[in-house]
Amino acid sequence: MGEVTVEMSRKRRPRTRSKSSFIMGARKFLVHHNHSDFHIDYDTDDGLEVLKFQLYSLTSVPPHNQKIYGEKNLAVSNDSDLETIAEELRLVSLEDEEKEGEALASSSSDAAGGMLADEELARILQAEEEEQFQDGENREEFEERVRPYVEQVLLYEDKFRQEEARKTVPVDELEEKALVSLAKEGNFKPSKIEEDHAFLLQLLFWFNQSFRFDYDFF
């Protein structure tokens, strides 16, 4: 019987991290973002990029839009020692930071614009005051010329006189002329708006051609 040689292959054991090295790299972080807190177990040996992806899975903020701050509001970067940074971190979205900056710039611009507007208004008021002071004598002369006509103008506000003036308008005649003008245009069934418009035109014609103002009445 021939000899059979059996070659046994040696299986490699998977490399495992020692318990001591695991403890050295393990960190627990408390991350604040948008009024929410996230507790993260993290191995610092994995680097900052892995931490950002963990935060992305929790906050939906893409890694390229993340900015992480530690103690004293110092930014965490690839050069930071992840084993010694503070356990309490703050995550900010770069997009949110840009929006806050734009809002702050806009509010500052509005405030500056408001100050300029106030200063401009103050200059205008001061100029008007100086002009009124210089024209004080001219104003008195103007008031003396206008005062005699004030009482005459106030008569036009008298309700009784207004009603008597309306009675002089030949309403029926003007309404008839308005319907005739519409019929000439082929409109035999005008709407209320069309009738009013035609009446207004006839009233204007009458006022310009036939109306005579009676100053004695007023």
C-alpha atoms as a PDB file:
ATOM      1  CA  MET A   1       0.000   0.000   0.000  1.00  0.00           C
ATOM      2  CA  GLY A   2       1.408   3.342  -1.011  1.00  0.00           C
ATOM      3  CA  GLU A   3       2.066   6.112   1.431  1.00  0.00           C
ATOM      4  CA  VAL A   4      -0.442   8.964   1.524  1.00  0.00           C
ATOM      5  CA  THR A   5       0.885  12.298   2.590  1.00  0.00           C
ATOM      6  CA  VAL A   6      -1.670  14.740   3.892  1.00  0.00           C
ATOM      7  CA  GLU A   7      -0.699  18.392   3.879  1.00  0.00           C
ATOM      8  CA  MET A   8      -2.595  20.384   6.419  1.00  0.00           C
ATOM      9  CA  SER A   9      -3.046  24.020   5.698  1.00  0.00           C
ATOM     10  CA  ARG A  10      -2.484  26.433   8.547  1.00  0.00           C
ATOM     11  CA  LYS A  11      -5.347  28.819   9.067  1.00  0.00           C
ATOM     12  CA  ARG A  12      -4.467  32.371   9.862  1.00  0.00           C
ATOM     13  CA  ARG A  13      -5.994  33.803  12.941  1.00  0.00           C
ATOM     14  CA  PRO A  14      -7.697  37.140  12.418  1.00  0.00           C
ATOM     15  CA  ARG A  15      -5.813  40.006  13.992  1.00  0.00           C
ATOM     16  CA  THR A  16      -7.684  41.297  16.952  1.00  0.00           C
ATOM     17  CA  ARG A  17      -7.171  44.531  18.749  1.00  0.00           C
ATOM     18  CA  SER A  18      -5.960  44.094  22.244  1.00  0.00           C
ATOM     19  CA  LYS A  19      -8.284  45.012  25.039  1.00  0.00           C
ATOM     20  CA  SER A  20      -5.916  47.710  26.206  1.00  0.00           C
ATOM     21  CA  SER A  21      -5.729  49.402  22.770  1.00  0.00           C
ATOM     22  CA  PHE A  22      -9.533  49.291  22.429  1.00  0.00           C
ATOM     23  CA  ILE A  23      -9.904  51.067  25.728  1.00  0.00           C
ATOM     24  CA  MET A  24      -7.323  53.649  24.775  1.00  0.00           C
ATOM     25  CA  GLY A  25      -9.147  54.595  21.528  1.00  0.00           C
ATOM     26  CA  ALA A  26     -12.720  54.424  22.799  1.00  0.00           C
ATOM     27  CA  ARG A  27     -14.458  57.729  23.514  1.00  0.00           C
ATOM     28  CA  LYS A  28     -17.937  58.809  24.403  1.00  0.00           C
ATOM     29  CA  PHE A  29     -19.032  62.162  22.984  1.00  0.00           C
ATOM     30  CA  LEU A  30     -22.057  64.291  23.739  1.00  0.00           C
ATOM     31  CA  VAL A  31     -22.858  66.282  20.586  1.00  0.00           C
ATOM     32  CA  HIS A  32     -25.264  69.241  20.591  1.00  0.00           C
ATOM     33  CA  HIS A  33     -27.017  70.162  17.355  1.00  0.00           C
ATOM     34  CA  ASN A  34     -30.156  72.284  16.790  1.00  0.00           C
ATOM     35  CA  HIS A  35     -31.411  71.995  20.382  1.00  0.00           C
ATOM     36  CA  SER A  36     -30.888  68.194  20.343  1.00  0.00           C
ATOM     37  CA  ASP A  37     -28.262  66.036  22.108  1.00  0.00           C
ATOM     38  CA  PHE A  38     -26.633  62.932  20.641  1.00  0.00           C
ATOM     39  CA  HIS A  39     -24.545  60.389  22.573  1.00  0.00           C
ATOM     40  CA  ILE A  40     -21.873  58.743  20.436  1.00  0.00           C
ATOM     41  CA  ASP A  41     -19.508  55.838  21.174  1.00  0.00           C
ATOM     42  CA  TYR A  42     -16.472  56.405  18.992  1.00  0.00           C
ATOM     43  CA  ASP A  43     -13.074  54.868  18.357  1.00  0.00           C
ATOM     44  CA  THR A  44     -10.611  57.702  17.886  1.00  0.00           C
ATOM     45  CA  ASP A  45      -8.338  55.470  15.802  1.00  0.00           C
ATOM     46  CA  ASP A  46     -10.931  55.643  13.000  1.00  0.00           C
ATOM     47  CA  GLY A  47     -10.253  59.329  12.387  1.00  0.00           C
ATOM     48  CA  LEU A  48     -12.419  62.407  12.075  1.00  0.00           C
ATOM     49  CA  GLU A  49     -14.122  61.369   8.819  1.00  0.00           C
ATOM     50  CA  VAL A  50     -15.736  58.348  10.456  1.00  0.00           C
ATOM     51  CA  LEU A  51     -17.004  60.562  13.274  1.00  0.00           C
ATOM     52  CA  LYS A  52     -18.559  62.880  10.698  1.00  0.00           C
ATOM     53  CA  PHE A  53     -20.345  59.992   9.018  1.00  0.00           C
ATOM     54  CA  GLN A  54     -21.675  58.861  12.399  1.00  0.00           C
ATOM     55  CA  LEU A  55     -23.006  62.378  12.930  1.00  0.00           C
ATOM     56  CA  TYR A  56     -24.484  62.355   9.430  1.00  0.00           C
ATOM     57  CA  SER A  57     -26.487  59.216  10.265  1.00  0.00           C
ATOM     58  CA  LEU A  58     -27.896  60.959  13.341  1.00  0.00           C
ATOM     59  CA  THR A  59     -28.395  64.538  12.163  1.00  0.00           C
ATOM     60  CA  SER A  60     -28.684  64.268   8.335  1.00  0.00           C
ATOM     61  CA  VAL A  61     -25.997  66.955   8.016  1.00  0.00           C
ATOM     62  CA  PRO A  62     -23.610  65.819   5.223  1.00  0.00           C
ATOM     63  CA  PRO A  63     -19.953  65.482   6.288  1.00  0.00           C
ATOM     64  CA  HIS A  64     -18.803  68.235   3.915  1.00  0.00           C
ATOM     65  CA  ASN A  65     -21.305  70.642   5.541  1.00  0.00           C
ATOM     66  CA  GLN A  66     -20.298  69.850   9.118  1.00  0.00           C
ATOM     67  CA  LYS A  67     -18.316  72.066  11.431  1.00  0.00           C
ATOM     68  CA  ILE A  68     -17.536  70.663  14.858  1.00  0.00           C
ATOM     69  CA  TYR A  69     -16.572  72.826  17.835  1.00  0.00           C
ATOM     70  CA  GLY A  70     -15.042  71.767  21.134  1.00  0.00           C
ATOM     71  CA  GLU A  71     -14.040  73.653  24.255  1.00  0.00           C
ATOM     72  CA  LYS A  72     -13.767  77.440  24.080  1.00  0.00           C
ATOM     73  CA  ASN A  73     -15.551  77.292  20.726  1.00  0.00           C
ATOM     74  CA  LEU A  74     -12.435  75.886  19.016  1.00  0.00           C
ATOM     75  CA  ALA A  75     -13.036  74.059  15.736  1.00  0.00           C
ATOM     76  CA  VAL A  76     -12.170  70.350  15.547  1.00  0.00           C
ATOM     77  CA  SER A  77     -10.064  69.519  12.468  1.00  0.00           C
ATOM     78  CA  ASN A  78      -8.130  66.586  11.055  1.00  0.00           C
ATOM     79  CA  ASP A  79      -5.105  67.808  13.022  1.00  0.00           C
ATOM     80  CA  SER A  80      -6.963  67.730  16.333  1.00  0.00           C
ATOM     81  CA  ASP A  81      -6.106  65.037  18.881  1.00  0.00           C
ATOM     82  CA  LEU A  82      -9.383  63.156  19.189  1.00  0.00           C
ATOM     83  CA  GLU A  83      -8.215  61.408  22.365  1.00  0.00           C
ATOM     84  CA  THR A  84      -7.761  64.640  24.287  1.00  0.00           C
ATOM     85  CA  ILE A  85     -10.555  66.898  22.980  1.00  0.00           C
ATOM     86  CA  ALA A  86     -13.499  67.578  25.259  1.00  0.00           C
ATOM     87  CA  GLU A  87     -16.304  65.038  25.403  1.00  0.00           C
ATOM     88  CA  GLU A  88     -18.914  67.727  24.834  1.00  0.00           C
ATOM     89  CA  LEU A  89     -19.018  68.918  21.218  1.00  0.00           C
ATOM     90  CA  ARG A  90     -21.199  71.182  19.132  1.00  0.00           C
ATOM     91  CA  LEU A  91     -22.150  70.447  15.515  1.00  0.00           C
ATOM     92  CA  VAL A  92     -23.014  73.298  13.158  1.00  0.00           C
ATOM     93  CA  SER A  93     -24.184  73.047   9.554  1.00  0.00           C
ATOM     94  CA  LEU A  94     -22.146  75.303   7.268  1.00  0.00           C
ATOM     95  CA  GLU A  95     -25.358  76.168   5.387  1.00  0.00           C
ATOM     96  CA  ASP A  96     -27.036  77.294   8.617  1.00  0.00           C
ATOM     97  CA  GLU A  97     -23.931  79.294   9.527  1.00  0.00           C
ATOM     98  CA  GLU A  98     -24.006  81.058   6.158  1.00  0.00           C
ATOM     99  CA  LYS A  99     -27.706  81.857   6.553  1.00  0.00           C
ATOM    100  CA  GLU A 100     -27.097  83.286  10.030  1.00  0.00           C
ATOM    101  CA  GLY A 101     -24.274  85.417   8.635  1.00  0.00           C
ATOM    102  CA  GLU A 102     -26.473  86.704   5.820  1.00  0.00           C
ATOM    103  CA  ALA A 103     -29.298  87.470   8.257  1.00  0.00           C
ATOM    104  CA  LEU A 104     -26.892  89.335  10.542  1.00  0.00           C
ATOM    105  CA  ALA A 105     -25.469  91.300   7.612  1.00  0.00           C
ATOM    106  CA  SER A 106     -28.989  92.107   6.409  1.00  0.00           C
ATOM    107  CA  SER A 107     -30.107  93.299   9.841  1.00  0.00           C
ATOM    108  CA  SER A 108     -26.977  95.432  10.151  1.00  0.00           C
ATOM    109  CA  SER A 109     -27.620  96.901   6.719  1.00  0.00           C
ATOM    110  CA  ASP A 110     -31.247  97.630   7.606  1.00  0.00           C
ATOM    111  CA  ALA A 111     -30.181  99.290  10.840  1.00  0.00           C
ATOM    112  CA  ALA A 112     -27.620 101.409   8.998  1.00  0.00           C
ATOM    113  CA  GLY A 113     -30.221 102.283   6.370  1.00  0.00           C
ATOM    114  CA  GLY A 114     -32.661 103.240   9.110  1.00  0.00           C
ATOM    115  CA  MET A 115     -30.090 105.514  10.704  1.00  0.00           C
ATOM    116  CA  LEU A 116     -29.378 107.172   7.353  1.00  0.00           C
ATOM    117  CA  ALA A 117     -33.112 107.594   6.733  1.00  0.00           C
ATOM    118  CA  ASP A 118     -33.552 109.220  10.142  1.00  0.00           C
ATOM    119  CA  GLU A 119     -30.640 111.557   9.505  1.00  0.00           C
ATOM    120  CA  GLU A 120     -32.017 112.484   6.085  1.00  0.00           C
ATOM    121  CA  LEU A 121     -35.458 113.155   7.575  1.00  0.00           C
ATOM    122  CA  ALA A 122     -33.902 115.328  10.277  1.00  0.00           C
ATOM    123  CA  ARG A 123     -32.056 117.355   7.623  1.00  0.00           C
ATOM    124  CA  ILE A 124     -35.244 117.818   5.604  1.00  0.00           C
ATOM    125  CA  LEU A 125     -37.208 118.962   8.655  1.00  0.00           C
ATOM    126  CA  GLN A 126     -34.441 121.354   9.643  1.00  0.00           C
ATOM    127  CA  ALA A 127     -34.336 122.803   6.114  1.00  0.00           C
ATOM    128  CA  GLU A 128     -38.126 123.256   6.106  1.00  0.00           C
ATOM    129  CA  GLU A 129     -38.001 124.948   9.493  1.00  0.00           C
ATOM    130  CA  GLU A 130     -35.308 127.356   8.311  1.00  0.00           C
ATOM    131  CA  GLU A 131     -37.274 128.073   5.140  1.00  0.00           C
ATOM    132  CA  GLN A 132     -40.449 128.737   7.124  1.00  0.00           C
ATOM    133  CA  PHE A 133     -38.558 131.086   9.418  1.00  0.00           C
ATOM    134  CA  GLN A 134     -37.145 132.982   6.449  1.00  0.00           C
ATOM    135  CA  ASP A 135     -40.531 133.141   4.741  1.00  0.00           C
ATOM    136  CA  GLY A 136     -42.417 134.260   7.855  1.00  0.00           C
ATOM    137  CA  GLU A 137     -43.057 137.732   6.509  1.00  0.00           C
ATOM    138  CA  ASN A 138     -44.185 136.368   3.129  1.00  0.00           C
ATOM    139  CA  ARG A 139     -46.600 134.013   4.906  1.00  0.00           C
ATOM    140  CA  GLU A 140     -48.304 136.847   6.732  1.00  0.00           C
ATOM    141  CA  GLU A 141     -48.764 138.684   3.473  1.00  0.00           C
ATOM    142  CA  PHE A 142     -50.188 135.560   1.843  1.00  0.00           C
ATOM    143  CA  GLU A 143     -52.671 135.004   4.688  1.00  0.00           C
ATOM    144  CA  GLU A 144     -53.923 138.575   4.372  1.00  0.00           C
ATOM    145  CA  ARG A 145     -54.639 138.033   0.662  1.00  0.00           C
ATOM    146  CA  VAL A 146     -56.316 134.622   1.137  1.00  0.00           C
ATOM    147  CA  ARG A 147     -58.405 135.309   4.261  1.00  0.00           C
ATOM    148  CA  PRO A 148     -61.226 137.188   2.467  1.00  0.00           C
ATOM    149  CA  TYR A 149     -61.911 134.123   0.291  1.00  0.00           C
ATOM    150  CA  VAL A 150     -62.075 131.621   3.155  1.00  0.00           C
ATOM    151  CA  GLU A 151     -65.655 132.494   4.126  1.00  0.00           C
ATOM    152  CA  GLN A 152     -66.762 132.270   0.474  1.00  0.00           C
ATOM    153  CA  VAL A 153     -65.245 128.792   0.149  1.00  0.00           C
ATOM    154  CA  LEU A 154     -66.934 127.594   3.343  1.00  0.00           C
ATOM    155  CA  LEU A 155     -70.326 128.416   1.808  1.00  0.00           C
ATOM    156  CA  TYR A 156     -69.808 125.548  -0.629  1.00  0.00           C
ATOM    157  CA  GLU A 157     -69.886 123.135   2.339  1.00  0.00           C
ATOM    158  CA  ASP A 158     -73.424 124.209   3.294  1.00  0.00           C
ATOM    159  CA  LYS A 159     -75.763 121.185   2.842  1.00  0.00           C
ATOM    160  CA  PHE A 160     -78.828 123.307   2.034  1.00  0.00           C
ATOM    161  CA  ARG A 161     -77.058 125.217  -0.731  1.00  0.00           C
ATOM    162  CA  GLN A 162     -75.657 121.950  -2.132  1.00  0.00           C
ATOM    163  CA  GLU A 163     -79.172 120.493  -2.352  1.00  0.00           C
ATOM    164  CA  GLU A 164     -80.526 123.620  -4.083  1.00  0.00           C
ATOM    165  CA  ALA A 165     -77.673 123.447  -6.588  1.00  0.00           C
ATOM    166  CA  ARG A 166     -78.511 119.799  -7.416  1.00  0.00           C
ATOM    167  CA  LYS A 167     -82.093 120.812  -8.241  1.00  0.00           C
ATOM    168  CA  THR A 168     -80.807 122.873 -11.151  1.00  0.00           C
ATOM    169  CA  VAL A 169     -79.465 119.732 -12.884  1.00  0.00           C
ATOM    170  CA  PRO A 170     -81.990 118.461 -15.537  1.00  0.00           C
ATOM    171  CA  VAL A 171     -81.611 114.808 -14.562  1.00  0.00           C
ATOM    172  CA  ASP A 172     -84.555 113.448 -16.608  1.00  0.00           C
ATOM    173  CA  GLU A 173     -83.421 115.273 -19.722  1.00  0.00           C
ATOM    174  CA  LEU A 174     -79.857 114.010 -19.356  1.00  0.00           C
ATOM    175  CA  GLU A 175     -80.995 110.427 -18.769  1.00  0.00           C
ATOM    176  CA  GLU A 176     -83.061 110.559 -21.947  1.00  0.00           C
ATOM    177  CA  LYS A 177     -80.125 111.932 -23.942  1.00  0.00           C
ATOM    178  CA  ALA A 178     -77.939 109.183 -22.525  1.00  0.00           C
ATOM    179  CA  LEU A 179     -80.341 106.446 -23.728  1.00  0.00           C
ATOM    180  CA  VAL A 180     -80.578 108.085 -27.146  1.00  0.00           C
ATOM    181  CA  SER A 181     -76.787 108.171 -27.478  1.00  0.00           C
ATOM    182  CA  LEU A 182     -76.619 104.468 -26.570  1.00  0.00           C
ATOM    183  CA  ALA A 183     -79.341 103.619 -29.096  1.00  0.00           C
ATOM    184  CA  LYS A 184     -77.412 105.436 -31.826  1.00  0.00           C
ATOM    185  CA  GLU A 185     -74.537 103.079 -31.077  1.00  0.00           C
ATOM    186  CA  GLY A 186     -76.888 100.080 -31.470  1.00  0.00           C
ATOM    187  CA  ASN A 187     -77.108  99.397 -27.747  1.00  0.00           C
ATOM    188  CA  PHE A 188     -80.865  99.113 -27.041  1.00  0.00           C
ATOM    189  CA  LYS A 189     -80.537  97.109 -23.817  1.00  0.00           C
ATOM    190  CA  PRO A 190     -77.655  98.723 -21.930  1.00  0.00           C
ATOM    191  CA  SER A 191     -76.505  97.529 -18.544  1.00  0.00           C
ATOM    192  CA  LYS A 192     -76.683  99.725 -15.428  1.00  0.00           C
ATOM    193  CA  ILE A 193     -72.982 100.529 -15.734  1.00  0.00           C
ATOM    194  CA  GLU A 194     -73.378 101.545 -19.379  1.00  0.00           C
ATOM    195  CA  GLU A 195     -76.344 103.788 -18.517  1.00  0.00           C
ATOM    196  CA  ASP A 196     -74.404 105.467 -15.721  1.00  0.00           C
ATOM    197  CA  HIS A 197     -71.423 106.022 -17.982  1.00  0.00           C
ATOM    198  CA  ALA A 198     -73.585 107.556 -20.733  1.00  0.00           C
ATOM    199  CA  PHE A 199     -75.385 109.755 -18.169  1.00  0.00           C
ATOM    200  CA  LEU A 200     -72.040 110.981 -16.816  1.00  0.00           C
ATOM    201  CA  LEU A 201     -70.955 112.005 -20.309  1.00  0.00           C
ATOM    202  CA  GLN A 202     -74.201 113.953 -20.846  1.00  0.00           C
ATOM    203  CA  LEU A 203     -73.761 115.612 -17.450  1.00  0.00           C
ATOM    204  CA  LEU A 204     -70.282 116.771 -18.420  1.00  0.00           C
ATOM    205  CA  PHE A 205     -71.573 118.146 -21.746  1.00  0.00           C
ATOM    206  CA  TRP A 206     -74.339 120.026 -19.945  1.00  0.00           C
ATOM    207  CA  PHE A 207     -71.978 121.441 -17.326  1.00  0.00           C
ATOM    208  CA  ASN A 208     -69.506 122.697 -19.951  1.00  0.00           C
ATOM    209  CA  GLN A 209     -72.111 124.110 -22.373  1.00  0.00           C
ATOM    210  CA  SER A 210     -75.227 125.123 -20.424  1.00  0.00           C
ATOM    211  CA  PHE A 211     -74.402 125.477 -16.726  1.00  0.00           C
ATOM    212  CA  ARG A 212     -74.088 129.010 -15.382  1.00  0.00           C
ATOM    213  CA  PHE A 213     -72.857 129.583 -11.843  1.00  0.00           C
ATOM    214  CA  ASP A 214     -75.083 131.896  -9.791  1.00  0.00           C
ATOM    215  CA  TYR A 215     -72.778 133.729  -7.407  1.00  0.00           C
ATOM    216  CA  ASP A 216     -75.750 135.541  -5.852  1.00  0.00           C
ATOM    217  CA  PHE A 217     -77.102 132.176  -4.668  1.00  0.00           C
ATOM    218  CA  PHE A 218     -73.971 131.702  -2.584  1.00  0.00           C
END
